[in-house]
């Protein structure tokens, strides 16, 4: 599965590892993706979302209904 957040759209960033001798090799900065299950009262079912930790805090503040609406507005499947 790809390392991206369904809500915020956070994706891996890319950069370089720089050794002591200053040689550069490619590396990846992955977002902290967690799989979390929420109860969706409007549909009477649980939904499992793959969210970054920032996305989890956003769901806590705006609510799961609004978060699912944002995900669907971005074209995501819930």
C-alpha atoms as a PDB file:
ATOM      1  CA  UNK A   1       0.000   0.000   0.000  1.00  0.00           C
ATOM      2  CA  UNK A   2       1.225   3.458  -0.761  1.00  0.00           C
ATOM      3  CA  UNK A   3       2.330   5.652   2.117  1.00  0.00           C
ATOM      4  CA  UNK A   4      -0.164   8.481   1.777  1.00  0.00           C
ATOM      5  CA  UNK A   5      -2.862   9.966   3.982  1.00  0.00           C
ATOM      6  CA  UNK A   6      -6.449   9.719   2.752  1.00  0.00           C
ATOM      7  CA  UNK A   7      -7.426  13.013   4.419  1.00  0.00           C
ATOM      8  CA  UNK A   8      -4.462  15.376   4.191  1.00  0.00           C
ATOM      9  CA  UNK A   9      -2.861  13.856   1.098  1.00  0.00           C
ATOM     10  CA  UNK A  10       0.562  13.659   2.783  1.00  0.00           C
ATOM     11  CA  UNK A  11       2.955  11.644   0.627  1.00  0.00           C
ATOM     12  CA  UNK A  12       6.606  10.667   0.974  1.00  0.00           C
ATOM     13  CA  UNK A  13       9.205  13.359   0.511  1.00  0.00           C
ATOM     14  CA  UNK A  14      12.540  12.623  -1.124  1.00  0.00           C
ATOM     15  CA  UNK A  15      16.021  13.814  -0.334  1.00  0.00           C
ATOM     16  CA  UNK A  16      19.581  12.671   0.187  1.00  0.00           C
ATOM     17  CA  UNK A  17      21.477  10.879   2.908  1.00  0.00           C
ATOM     18  CA  UNK A  18      24.762  12.665   3.344  1.00  0.00           C
ATOM     19  CA  UNK A  19      27.563  10.575   4.806  1.00  0.00           C
ATOM     20  CA  UNK A  20      30.508  11.806   6.806  1.00  0.00           C
ATOM     21  CA  UNK A  21      32.557  11.897   3.589  1.00  0.00           C
ATOM     22  CA  UNK A  22      29.710  13.945   2.042  1.00  0.00           C
ATOM     23  CA  UNK A  23      28.646  11.305  -0.491  1.00  0.00           C
ATOM     24  CA  UNK A  24      24.971  11.622  -1.327  1.00  0.00           C
ATOM     25  CA  UNK A  25      22.553   8.714  -1.728  1.00  0.00           C
ATOM     26  CA  UNK A  26      18.812   8.881  -2.208  1.00  0.00           C
ATOM     27  CA  UNK A  27      16.419   8.477   0.716  1.00  0.00           C
ATOM     28  CA  UNK A  28      12.712   8.766   1.469  1.00  0.00           C
ATOM     29  CA  UNK A  29      10.880  10.649   4.238  1.00  0.00           C
ATOM     30  CA  UNK A  30       7.687   8.634   4.846  1.00  0.00           C
ATOM     31  CA  UNK A  31       4.717  10.211   6.640  1.00  0.00           C
ATOM     32  CA  UNK A  32       3.601   8.532   9.878  1.00  0.00           C
ATOM     33  CA  UNK A  33       0.646   6.543   8.465  1.00  0.00           C
ATOM     34  CA  UNK A  34      -1.694   4.720  10.855  1.00  0.00           C
ATOM     35  CA  UNK A  35      -4.724   2.581  10.079  1.00  0.00           C
ATOM     36  CA  UNK A  36      -7.665   3.624  12.262  1.00  0.00           C
ATOM     37  CA  UNK A  37     -11.252   2.422  12.459  1.00  0.00           C
ATOM     38  CA  UNK A  38     -14.084   4.939  13.010  1.00  0.00           C
ATOM     39  CA  UNK A  39     -17.812   4.443  13.512  1.00  0.00           C
ATOM     40  CA  UNK A  40     -19.768   6.281  10.804  1.00  0.00           C
ATOM     41  CA  UNK A  41     -23.248   6.876  12.301  1.00  0.00           C
ATOM     42  CA  UNK A  42     -24.875   8.142   9.092  1.00  0.00           C
ATOM     43  CA  UNK A  43     -24.170   4.837   7.326  1.00  0.00           C
ATOM     44  CA  UNK A  44     -24.378   2.604  10.406  1.00  0.00           C
ATOM     45  CA  UNK A  45     -20.994   0.997   9.795  1.00  0.00           C
ATOM     46  CA  UNK A  46     -17.311   1.199  10.630  1.00  0.00           C
ATOM     47  CA  UNK A  47     -14.835   2.660   8.165  1.00  0.00           C
ATOM     48  CA  UNK A  48     -11.124   1.961   8.205  1.00  0.00           C
ATOM     49  CA  UNK A  49      -9.048   4.972   7.221  1.00  0.00           C
ATOM     50  CA  UNK A  50      -5.296   5.186   6.524  1.00  0.00           C
ATOM     51  CA  UNK A  51      -4.373   8.512   8.069  1.00  0.00           C
ATOM     52  CA  UNK A  52      -1.247  10.384   9.038  1.00  0.00           C
ATOM     53  CA  UNK A  53      -1.032  11.406  12.681  1.00  0.00           C
ATOM     54  CA  UNK A  54      -1.915  14.953  11.630  1.00  0.00           C
ATOM     55  CA  UNK A  55      -4.971  13.521   9.824  1.00  0.00           C
ATOM     56  CA  UNK A  56      -6.048  11.706  13.017  1.00  0.00           C
ATOM     57  CA  UNK A  57      -5.878  15.003  14.934  1.00  0.00           C
ATOM     58  CA  UNK A  58      -7.938  16.650  12.180  1.00  0.00           C
ATOM     59  CA  UNK A  59     -10.632  13.942  12.478  1.00  0.00           C
ATOM     60  CA  UNK A  60     -10.665  14.472  16.260  1.00  0.00           C
ATOM     61  CA  UNK A  61     -11.303  18.200  15.793  1.00  0.00           C
ATOM     62  CA  UNK A  62     -13.764  18.278  12.854  1.00  0.00           C
ATOM     63  CA  UNK A  63     -15.477  14.916  13.366  1.00  0.00           C
ATOM     64  CA  UNK A  64     -15.576  11.736  11.329  1.00  0.00           C
ATOM     65  CA  UNK A  65     -18.584  12.780   9.190  1.00  0.00           C
ATOM     66  CA  UNK A  66     -16.861  15.952   7.954  1.00  0.00           C
ATOM     67  CA  UNK A  67     -13.583  14.075   7.424  1.00  0.00           C
ATOM     68  CA  UNK A  68     -15.261  11.391   5.291  1.00  0.00           C
ATOM     69  CA  UNK A  69     -17.004  14.145   3.301  1.00  0.00           C
ATOM     70  CA  UNK A  70     -13.587  15.756   2.607  1.00  0.00           C
ATOM     71  CA  UNK A  71     -12.091  12.420   1.561  1.00  0.00           C
ATOM     72  CA  UNK A  72     -14.970  11.788  -0.843  1.00  0.00           C
ATOM     73  CA  UNK A  73     -14.715  15.358  -2.204  1.00  0.00           C
ATOM     74  CA  UNK A  74     -11.047  14.652  -3.045  1.00  0.00           C
ATOM     75  CA  UNK A  75     -12.191  11.572  -4.991  1.00  0.00           C
ATOM     76  CA  UNK A  76     -11.231   8.994  -2.364  1.00  0.00           C
ATOM     77  CA  UNK A  77     -13.189   5.821  -1.739  1.00  0.00           C
ATOM     78  CA  UNK A  78     -14.380   5.123   1.800  1.00  0.00           C
END
